[in-house]
Amino acid sequence: MLDVKIEGPVFKIILNNLSTMNSLNFPFMVEIADAIYRANECKDTKFTVITGNGTYFSTGMDLKQFLEMGTEGIVRNRKKFEKIFANFANCFLYHDKVLIGAINGPAIGGAVSVTSYFDFNVCSEDAFFSLPFTKFAITPVDLLSVYLPRIMGKIRATEMLLLEKKLTAKEALHCGLVNEVVKKEDVWKVTMERIKKFDVFDAESIKAVKDVIKFDDRRDLPKKSDAEIKIFFDRLCNPKFMEIAENHFKKNEQFF
């Protein structure tokens, strides 16, 4: 489901689960987090780039897995799942290198959370960004409720988080969620061109600056993340979620 390549100074992580449009189930989340930690420790690279294979960057959390396990299964495995979520958030929060998103297509739900961690985003012109949390009676995790308002301001972020405003690529550029919008076929080429420009910066200097930028977040946000995760699982265990999800998936293969 995940491909990892080293290309010059780049540790490249490719989301490659085409059958689910790169949706995030628990094994995939573990695999991604492990790759991010490996990238952070890799002495041969200075940049960590995440991109997707196929039409979508990622369709976010795989809600079907929760339907398949049922409420009893969620309750039984809740502690294990909460640790997976916490580890997923922390792999980005504690990453010392430049994190770059090569956003090859639409990002939905938890995939928007991932893009909000990046230091620089190159985005395909056909991408959009959507957060169907209220639709499914669930809540944001991965610190999206912190980073999205920081990026685009409270009013615009609330419109996305609460009222499911869908952003086009151009709107995401205007809001500051992405740095550049390019043709779909040019996403990787432009990403590598930007990295070539950034490569003049010393790796230790980058780490020092990121340590300062992330100092307060690394001290304060793990507690916030844990609280978000607990609320999220409380919502999953609410009969309302199962009812909405079951009705939706009877009509639709995907959740968006």
C-alpha atoms as a PDB file:
ATOM      1  CA  MET A   1       0.000   0.000   0.000  1.00  0.00           C
ATOM      2  CA  LEU A   2       3.023   2.257   0.429  1.00  0.00           C
ATOM      3  CA  ASP A   3       6.067   2.774  -1.782  1.00  0.00           C
ATOM      4  CA  VAL A   4       9.242   4.360  -0.440  1.00  0.00           C
ATOM      5  CA  LYS A   5      12.090   5.650  -2.611  1.00  0.00           C
ATOM      6  CA  ILE A   6      15.188   7.739  -2.048  1.00  0.00           C
ATOM      7  CA  GLU A   7      15.812  10.180  -4.894  1.00  0.00           C
ATOM      8  CA  GLY A   8      18.843  12.352  -4.199  1.00  0.00           C
ATOM      9  CA  PRO A   9      18.113  14.420  -1.065  1.00  0.00           C
ATOM     10  CA  VAL A  10      14.461  13.279  -1.061  1.00  0.00           C
ATOM     11  CA  PHE A  11      12.838  10.535   0.985  1.00  0.00           C
ATOM     12  CA  LYS A  12       9.766   9.922  -1.177  1.00  0.00           C
ATOM     13  CA  ILE A  13       6.672   8.303   0.312  1.00  0.00           C
ATOM     14  CA  ILE A  14       3.971   7.288  -2.179  1.00  0.00           C
ATOM     15  CA  LEU A  15       0.447   6.407  -1.064  1.00  0.00           C
ATOM     16  CA  ASN A  16      -0.353   3.537  -3.396  1.00  0.00           C
ATOM     17  CA  ASN A  17      -3.610   1.837  -2.476  1.00  0.00           C
ATOM     18  CA  LEU A  18      -5.524   2.380  -5.699  1.00  0.00           C
ATOM     19  CA  SER A  19      -8.395   0.033  -4.847  1.00  0.00           C
ATOM     20  CA  THR A  20      -9.491   2.354  -2.008  1.00  0.00           C
ATOM     21  CA  MET A  21      -8.232   5.642  -3.486  1.00  0.00           C
ATOM     22  CA  ASN A  22      -5.522   5.706  -0.816  1.00  0.00           C
ATOM     23  CA  SER A  23      -7.971   5.686   2.092  1.00  0.00           C
ATOM     24  CA  LEU A  24      -6.443   5.409   5.552  1.00  0.00           C
ATOM     25  CA  ASN A  25      -7.175   2.162   7.355  1.00  0.00           C
ATOM     26  CA  PHE A  26      -5.266   1.170  10.481  1.00  0.00           C
ATOM     27  CA  PRO A  27      -2.535  -0.941   8.799  1.00  0.00           C
ATOM     28  CA  PHE A  28      -1.949   1.880   6.300  1.00  0.00           C
ATOM     29  CA  MET A  29      -1.685   4.466   9.095  1.00  0.00           C
ATOM     30  CA  VAL A  30       0.910   2.317  10.859  1.00  0.00           C
ATOM     31  CA  GLU A  31       2.839   1.907   7.608  1.00  0.00           C
ATOM     32  CA  ILE A  32       2.807   5.652   6.890  1.00  0.00           C
ATOM     33  CA  ALA A  33       3.922   6.555  10.421  1.00  0.00           C
ATOM     34  CA  ASP A  34       6.770   4.031  10.253  1.00  0.00           C
ATOM     35  CA  ALA A  35       7.910   5.533   6.937  1.00  0.00           C
ATOM     36  CA  ILE A  36       7.811   9.083   8.356  1.00  0.00           C
ATOM     37  CA  TYR A  37       9.937   8.017  11.327  1.00  0.00           C
ATOM     38  CA  ARG A  38      12.379   6.255   8.984  1.00  0.00           C
ATOM     39  CA  ALA A  39      12.602   9.380   6.848  1.00  0.00           C
ATOM     40  CA  ASN A  40      13.402  11.449   9.913  1.00  0.00           C
ATOM     41  CA  GLU A  41      16.293   9.141  10.812  1.00  0.00           C
ATOM     42  CA  CYS A  42      17.642   8.787   7.266  1.00  0.00           C
ATOM     43  CA  LYS A  43      21.053  10.486   7.153  1.00  0.00           C
ATOM     44  CA  ASP A  44      21.138  10.548   3.343  1.00  0.00           C
ATOM     45  CA  THR A  45      18.109  12.820   2.861  1.00  0.00           C
ATOM     46  CA  LYS A  46      17.061  16.363   3.795  1.00  0.00           C
ATOM     47  CA  PHE A  47      13.472  16.412   2.533  1.00  0.00           C
ATOM     48  CA  THR A  48      10.490  14.151   3.121  1.00  0.00           C
ATOM     49  CA  VAL A  49       7.898  14.237   0.339  1.00  0.00           C
ATOM     50  CA  ILE A  50       4.504  12.564   0.438  1.00  0.00           C
ATOM     51  CA  THR A  51       2.439  12.072  -2.691  1.00  0.00           C
ATOM     52  CA  GLY A  52      -0.292   9.765  -3.910  1.00  0.00           C
ATOM     53  CA  ASN A  53      -0.571   7.413  -6.842  1.00  0.00           C
ATOM     54  CA  GLY A  54      -3.726   7.619  -8.916  1.00  0.00           C
ATOM     55  CA  THR A  55      -6.550  10.128  -9.144  1.00  0.00           C
ATOM     56  CA  TYR A  56      -6.734  10.978  -5.443  1.00  0.00           C
ATOM     57  CA  PHE A  57      -4.121  12.046  -2.927  1.00  0.00           C
ATOM     58  CA  SER A  58      -6.221  10.243  -0.315  1.00  0.00           C
ATOM     59  CA  THR A  59      -9.892   9.832   0.521  1.00  0.00           C
ATOM     60  CA  GLY A  60      -9.106   9.987   4.230  1.00  0.00           C
ATOM     61  CA  MET A  61     -10.138   7.644   7.004  1.00  0.00           C
ATOM     62  CA  ASP A  62     -11.554   4.313   5.847  1.00  0.00           C
ATOM     63  CA  LEU A  63     -14.925   4.386   7.613  1.00  0.00           C
ATOM     64  CA  LYS A  64     -15.921   1.000   6.217  1.00  0.00           C
ATOM     65  CA  GLN A  65     -13.470  -0.691   8.561  1.00  0.00           C
ATOM     66  CA  PHE A  66     -15.545   0.539  11.511  1.00  0.00           C
ATOM     67  CA  LEU A  67     -18.762  -0.783   9.985  1.00  0.00           C
ATOM     68  CA  GLU A  68     -17.137  -4.159   9.443  1.00  0.00           C
ATOM     69  CA  MET A  69     -15.942  -4.464  13.052  1.00  0.00           C
ATOM     70  CA  GLY A  70     -19.136  -3.009  14.556  1.00  0.00           C
ATOM     71  CA  THR A  71     -19.468  -1.087  17.797  1.00  0.00           C
ATOM     72  CA  GLU A  72     -18.381  -4.087  19.884  1.00  0.00           C
ATOM     73  CA  GLY A  73     -15.210  -4.463  17.849  1.00  0.00           C
ATOM     74  CA  ILE A  74     -14.417  -0.764  18.177  1.00  0.00           C
ATOM     75  CA  VAL A  75     -14.891  -0.896  21.957  1.00  0.00           C
ATOM     76  CA  ARG A  76     -12.831  -4.071  22.272  1.00  0.00           C
ATOM     77  CA  ASN A  77      -9.892  -2.646  20.298  1.00  0.00           C
ATOM     78  CA  ARG A  78     -10.265   0.998  21.284  1.00  0.00           C
ATOM     79  CA  LYS A  79      -7.028   1.345  23.292  1.00  0.00           C
ATOM     80  CA  LYS A  80      -4.982  -0.144  20.462  1.00  0.00           C
ATOM     81  CA  PHE A  81      -6.651   2.086  17.882  1.00  0.00           C
ATOM     82  CA  GLU A  82      -6.160   5.202  20.014  1.00  0.00           C
ATOM     83  CA  LYS A  83      -2.422   4.471  20.179  1.00  0.00           C
ATOM     84  CA  ILE A  84      -2.284   4.157  16.377  1.00  0.00           C
ATOM     85  CA  PHE A  85      -3.955   7.559  16.013  1.00  0.00           C
ATOM     86  CA  ALA A  86      -1.629   9.178  18.562  1.00  0.00           C
ATOM     87  CA  ASN A  87       1.437   7.726  16.866  1.00  0.00           C
ATOM     88  CA  PHE A  88       0.183   8.933  13.484  1.00  0.00           C
ATOM     89  CA  ALA A  89      -0.142  12.525  14.714  1.00  0.00           C
ATOM     90  CA  ASN A  90       3.203  12.416  16.514  1.00  0.00           C
ATOM     91  CA  CYS A  91       5.154  11.196  13.490  1.00  0.00           C
ATOM     92  CA  PHE A  92       4.356  14.514  11.799  1.00  0.00           C
ATOM     93  CA  LEU A  93       4.544  16.687  14.906  1.00  0.00           C
ATOM     94  CA  TYR A  94       8.085  15.533  15.717  1.00  0.00           C
ATOM     95  CA  HIS A  95       9.443  15.418  12.170  1.00  0.00           C
ATOM     96  CA  ASP A  96      12.629  17.511  11.894  1.00  0.00           C
ATOM     97  CA  LYS A  97      13.092  17.676   8.127  1.00  0.00           C
ATOM     98  CA  VAL A  98      11.231  19.746   5.556  1.00  0.00           C
ATOM     99  CA  LEU A  99       7.906  17.995   4.946  1.00  0.00           C
ATOM    100  CA  ILE A 100       6.578  18.574   1.446  1.00  0.00           C
ATOM    101  CA  GLY A 101       3.248  17.545  -0.012  1.00  0.00           C
ATOM    102  CA  ALA A 102       3.004  16.735  -3.700  1.00  0.00           C
ATOM    103  CA  ILE A 103      -0.784  16.781  -3.720  1.00  0.00           C
ATOM    104  CA  ASN A 104      -1.663  14.844  -6.858  1.00  0.00           C
ATOM    105  CA  GLY A 105      -5.435  15.025  -6.447  1.00  0.00           C
ATOM    106  CA  PRO A 106      -8.333  15.486  -4.025  1.00  0.00           C
ATOM    107  CA  ALA A 107      -7.765  15.208  -0.268  1.00  0.00           C
ATOM    108  CA  ILE A 108     -10.715  14.302   1.936  1.00  0.00           C
ATOM    109  CA  GLY A 109     -11.179  14.106   5.697  1.00  0.00           C
ATOM    110  CA  GLY A 110      -8.034  12.851   7.397  1.00  0.00           C
ATOM    111  CA  ALA A 111      -6.041  13.505   4.234  1.00  0.00           C
ATOM    112  CA  VAL A 112      -6.615  17.231   4.747  1.00  0.00           C
ATOM    113  CA  SER A 113      -5.161  16.789   8.231  1.00  0.00           C
ATOM    114  CA  VAL A 114      -2.034  15.315   6.671  1.00  0.00           C
ATOM    115  CA  THR A 115      -1.621  18.230   4.253  1.00  0.00           C
ATOM    116  CA  SER A 116      -1.889  20.701   7.135  1.00  0.00           C
ATOM    117  CA  TYR A 117       1.287  19.246   8.681  1.00  0.00           C
ATOM    118  CA  PHE A 118       3.385  19.939   5.596  1.00  0.00           C
ATOM    119  CA  ASP A 119       5.862  22.805   5.362  1.00  0.00           C
ATOM    120  CA  PHE A 120       5.318  23.276   1.618  1.00  0.00           C
ATOM    121  CA  ASN A 121       2.561  22.039  -0.695  1.00  0.00           C
ATOM    122  CA  VAL A 122       2.517  21.705  -4.477  1.00  0.00           C
ATOM    123  CA  CYS A 123      -1.041  20.964  -5.565  1.00  0.00           C
ATOM    124  CA  SER A 124      -2.668  19.588  -8.706  1.00  0.00           C
ATOM    125  CA  GLU A 125      -5.197  21.920 -10.327  1.00  0.00           C
ATOM    126  CA  ASP A 126      -7.873  19.188 -10.176  1.00  0.00           C
ATOM    127  CA  ALA A 127      -7.550  18.727  -6.411  1.00  0.00           C
ATOM    128  CA  PHE A 128     -10.187  19.682  -3.899  1.00  0.00           C
ATOM    129  CA  PHE A 129     -10.268  19.590  -0.096  1.00  0.00           C
ATOM    130  CA  SER A 130     -13.340  18.329   1.756  1.00  0.00           C
ATOM    131  CA  LEU A 131     -14.194  17.549   5.405  1.00  0.00           C
ATOM    132  CA  PRO A 132     -17.382  15.446   5.777  1.00  0.00           C
ATOM    133  CA  PHE A 133     -17.218  15.183   9.595  1.00  0.00           C
ATOM    134  CA  THR A 134     -20.674  16.518  10.442  1.00  0.00           C
ATOM    135  CA  LYS A 135     -22.168  14.418   7.655  1.00  0.00           C
ATOM    136  CA  PHE A 136     -21.075  11.257   9.468  1.00  0.00           C
ATOM    137  CA  ALA A 137     -21.534  12.538  13.036  1.00  0.00           C
ATOM    138  CA  ILE A 138     -17.808  12.242  13.771  1.00  0.00           C
ATOM    139  CA  THR A 139     -15.162  14.764  14.803  1.00  0.00           C
ATOM    140  CA  PRO A 140     -11.753  15.918  13.512  1.00  0.00           C
ATOM    141  CA  VAL A 141      -8.539  14.329  14.752  1.00  0.00           C
ATOM    142  CA  ASP A 142      -4.833  14.700  13.875  1.00  0.00           C
ATOM    143  CA  LEU A 143      -4.864  18.275  15.244  1.00  0.00           C
ATOM    144  CA  LEU A 144      -6.780  19.601  12.249  1.00  0.00           C
ATOM    145  CA  SER A 145      -8.869  21.753  14.600  1.00  0.00           C
ATOM    146  CA  VAL A 146      -5.609  23.504  15.562  1.00  0.00           C
ATOM    147  CA  TYR A 147      -3.759  23.780  12.264  1.00  0.00           C
ATOM    148  CA  LEU A 148      -6.589  24.607   9.878  1.00  0.00           C
ATOM    149  CA  PRO A 149      -7.635  27.811  11.721  1.00  0.00           C
ATOM    150  CA  ARG A 150      -3.962  28.796  11.932  1.00  0.00           C
ATOM    151  CA  ILE A 151      -3.555  28.389   8.202  1.00  0.00           C
ATOM    152  CA  MET A 152      -6.710  30.032   6.884  1.00  0.00           C
ATOM    153  CA  GLY A 153      -8.288  31.806   9.842  1.00  0.00           C
ATOM    154  CA  LYS A 154     -11.146  30.825  12.145  1.00  0.00           C
ATOM    155  CA  ILE A 155     -14.049  31.782   9.868  1.00  0.00           C
ATOM    156  CA  ARG A 156     -12.888  29.884   6.781  1.00  0.00           C
ATOM    157  CA  ALA A 157     -11.729  26.895   8.838  1.00  0.00           C
ATOM    158  CA  THR A 158     -15.039  26.712  10.681  1.00  0.00           C
ATOM    159  CA  GLU A 159     -16.879  26.785   7.359  1.00  0.00           C
ATOM    160  CA  MET A 160     -14.924  23.702   6.313  1.00  0.00           C
ATOM    161  CA  LEU A 161     -14.996  21.859   9.641  1.00  0.00           C
ATOM    162  CA  LEU A 162     -18.626  22.500  10.581  1.00  0.00           C
ATOM    163  CA  LEU A 163     -20.409  23.296   7.335  1.00  0.00           C
ATOM    164  CA  GLU A 164     -18.465  21.081   4.911  1.00  0.00           C
ATOM    165  CA  LYS A 165     -17.288  23.846   2.601  1.00  0.00           C
ATOM    166  CA  LYS A 166     -15.319  22.173  -0.189  1.00  0.00           C
ATOM    167  CA  LEU A 167     -12.213  24.044  -1.337  1.00  0.00           C
ATOM    168  CA  THR A 168     -10.991  23.971  -4.917  1.00  0.00           C
ATOM    169  CA  ALA A 169      -7.253  24.018  -5.547  1.00  0.00           C
ATOM    170  CA  LYS A 170      -7.374  27.739  -6.343  1.00  0.00           C
ATOM    171  CA  GLU A 171      -9.323  28.459  -3.153  1.00  0.00           C
ATOM    172  CA  ALA A 172      -6.801  26.406  -1.170  1.00  0.00           C
ATOM    173  CA  LEU A 173      -4.029  28.535  -2.675  1.00  0.00           C
ATOM    174  CA  HIS A 174      -5.868  31.728  -1.766  1.00  0.00           C
ATOM    175  CA  CYS A 175      -6.418  30.466   1.810  1.00  0.00           C
ATOM    176  CA  GLY A 176      -2.777  29.478   2.285  1.00  0.00           C
ATOM    177  CA  LEU A 177      -3.349  25.722   2.495  1.00  0.00           C
ATOM    178  CA  VAL A 178      -1.088  25.142  -0.526  1.00  0.00           C
ATOM    179  CA  ASN A 179       1.866  27.084  -1.944  1.00  0.00           C
ATOM    180  CA  GLU A 180       1.419  26.407  -5.650  1.00  0.00           C
ATOM    181  CA  VAL A 181      -1.196  25.010  -8.028  1.00  0.00           C
ATOM    182  CA  VAL A 182       0.084  23.305 -11.178  1.00  0.00           C
ATOM    183  CA  LYS A 183      -1.130  20.965 -13.901  1.00  0.00           C
ATOM    184  CA  LYS A 184      -1.662  17.421 -12.652  1.00  0.00           C
ATOM    185  CA  GLU A 185       1.066  16.020 -14.860  1.00  0.00           C
ATOM    186  CA  ASP A 186       3.545  18.595 -13.539  1.00  0.00           C
ATOM    187  CA  VAL A 187       3.117  18.048  -9.786  1.00  0.00           C
ATOM    188  CA  TRP A 188       6.210  15.907  -9.289  1.00  0.00           C
ATOM    189  CA  LYS A 189       8.372  17.888 -11.718  1.00  0.00           C
ATOM    190  CA  VAL A 190       7.573  21.181  -9.986  1.00  0.00           C
ATOM    191  CA  THR A 191       8.065  19.610  -6.559  1.00  0.00           C
ATOM    192  CA  MET A 192      11.570  18.479  -7.504  1.00  0.00           C
ATOM    193  CA  GLU A 193      12.351  21.892  -9.013  1.00  0.00           C
ATOM    194  CA  ARG A 194      11.446  23.551  -5.714  1.00  0.00           C
ATOM    195  CA  ILE A 195      13.505  21.038  -3.754  1.00  0.00           C
ATOM    196  CA  LYS A 196      16.502  21.808  -5.949  1.00  0.00           C
ATOM    197  CA  LYS A 197      16.176  25.455  -4.866  1.00  0.00           C
ATOM    198  CA  PHE A 198      15.699  24.524  -1.195  1.00  0.00           C
ATOM    199  CA  ASP A 199      18.662  22.133  -1.220  1.00  0.00           C
ATOM    200  CA  VAL A 200      21.121  24.989  -0.616  1.00  0.00           C
ATOM    201  CA  PHE A 201      19.988  25.126   3.023  1.00  0.00           C
ATOM    202  CA  ASP A 202      21.933  23.223   5.666  1.00  0.00           C
ATOM    203  CA  ALA A 203      20.083  20.287   7.239  1.00  0.00           C
ATOM    204  CA  GLU A 204      21.085  21.188  10.792  1.00  0.00           C
ATOM    205  CA  SER A 205      19.935  24.760  10.278  1.00  0.00           C
ATOM    206  CA  ILE A 206      16.564  23.511   9.045  1.00  0.00           C
ATOM    207  CA  LYS A 207      16.230  21.282  12.108  1.00  0.00           C
ATOM    208  CA  ALA A 208      17.105  24.164  14.440  1.00  0.00           C
ATOM    209  CA  VAL A 209      14.464  26.424  12.900  1.00  0.00           C
ATOM    210  CA  LYS A 210      11.824  23.673  12.989  1.00  0.00           C
ATOM    211  CA  ASP A 211      12.647  23.016  16.646  1.00  0.00           C
ATOM    212  CA  VAL A 212      11.839  26.651  17.389  1.00  0.00           C
ATOM    213  CA  ILE A 213       8.688  26.685  15.236  1.00  0.00           C
ATOM    214  CA  LYS A 214       7.408  23.466  16.806  1.00  0.00           C
ATOM    215  CA  PHE A 215       8.561  24.099  20.386  1.00  0.00           C
ATOM    216  CA  ASP A 216       5.171  25.074  21.823  1.00  0.00           C
ATOM    217  CA  ASP A 217       3.275  22.541  19.709  1.00  0.00           C
ATOM    218  CA  ARG A 218       5.471  19.644  20.796  1.00  0.00           C
ATOM    219  CA  ARG A 219       5.013  20.662  24.418  1.00  0.00           C
ATOM    220  CA  ASP A 220       1.262  21.298  24.348  1.00  0.00           C
ATOM    221  CA  LEU A 221      -0.429  19.514  21.459  1.00  0.00           C
ATOM    222  CA  PRO A 222       0.047  15.810  22.340  1.00  0.00           C
ATOM    223  CA  LYS A 223      -2.441  16.344  25.174  1.00  0.00           C
ATOM    224  CA  LYS A 224      -4.836  18.072  22.774  1.00  0.00           C
ATOM    225  CA  SER A 225      -4.397  15.224  20.277  1.00  0.00           C
ATOM    226  CA  ASP A 226      -5.222  12.607  22.925  1.00  0.00           C
ATOM    227  CA  ALA A 227      -8.405  14.503  23.811  1.00  0.00           C
ATOM    228  CA  GLU A 228      -9.427  14.701  20.134  1.00  0.00           C
ATOM    229  CA  ILE A 229      -8.883  10.965  19.705  1.00  0.00           C
ATOM    230  CA  LYS A 230     -11.017  10.087  22.726  1.00  0.00           C
ATOM    231  CA  ILE A 231     -13.870  12.287  21.485  1.00  0.00           C
ATOM    232  CA  PHE A 232     -13.570  10.740  18.010  1.00  0.00           C
ATOM    233  CA  PHE A 233     -13.937   7.213  19.388  1.00  0.00           C
ATOM    234  CA  ASP A 234     -16.822   8.271  21.598  1.00  0.00           C
ATOM    235  CA  ARG A 235     -18.554   9.433  18.418  1.00  0.00           C
ATOM    236  CA  LEU A 236     -17.760   6.185  16.603  1.00  0.00           C
ATOM    237  CA  CYS A 237     -19.409   4.262  19.433  1.00  0.00           C
ATOM    238  CA  ASN A 238     -22.527   6.406  19.181  1.00  0.00           C
ATOM    239  CA  PRO A 239     -25.358   4.565  17.359  1.00  0.00           C
ATOM    240  CA  LYS A 240     -25.857   7.680  15.235  1.00  0.00           C
ATOM    241  CA  PHE A 241     -22.563   7.105  13.408  1.00  0.00           C
ATOM    242  CA  MET A 242     -23.335   3.483  12.581  1.00  0.00           C
ATOM    243  CA  GLU A 243     -26.816   4.385  11.355  1.00  0.00           C
ATOM    244  CA  ILE A 244     -25.578   7.182   9.088  1.00  0.00           C
ATOM    245  CA  ALA A 245     -22.633   5.171   7.764  1.00  0.00           C
ATOM    246  CA  GLU A 246     -24.732   2.079   7.025  1.00  0.00           C
ATOM    247  CA  ASN A 247     -27.333   4.113   5.153  1.00  0.00           C
ATOM    248  CA  HIS A 248     -24.665   5.943   3.188  1.00  0.00           C
ATOM    249  CA  PHE A 249     -22.706   2.882   2.109  1.00  0.00           C
ATOM    250  CA  LYS A 250     -25.860   1.162   0.910  1.00  0.00           C
ATOM    251  CA  LYS A 251     -26.008   3.861  -1.760  1.00  0.00           C
ATOM    252  CA  ASN A 252     -22.350   4.750  -2.259  1.00  0.00           C
ATOM    253  CA  GLU A 253     -19.114   2.821  -2.605  1.00  0.00           C
ATOM    254  CA  GLN A 254     -17.032   5.708  -1.225  1.00  0.00           C
ATOM    255  CA  PHE A 255     -17.902   8.087   1.606  1.00  0.00           C
ATOM    256  CA  PHE A 256     -17.552  11.388  -0.279  1.00  0.00           C
END
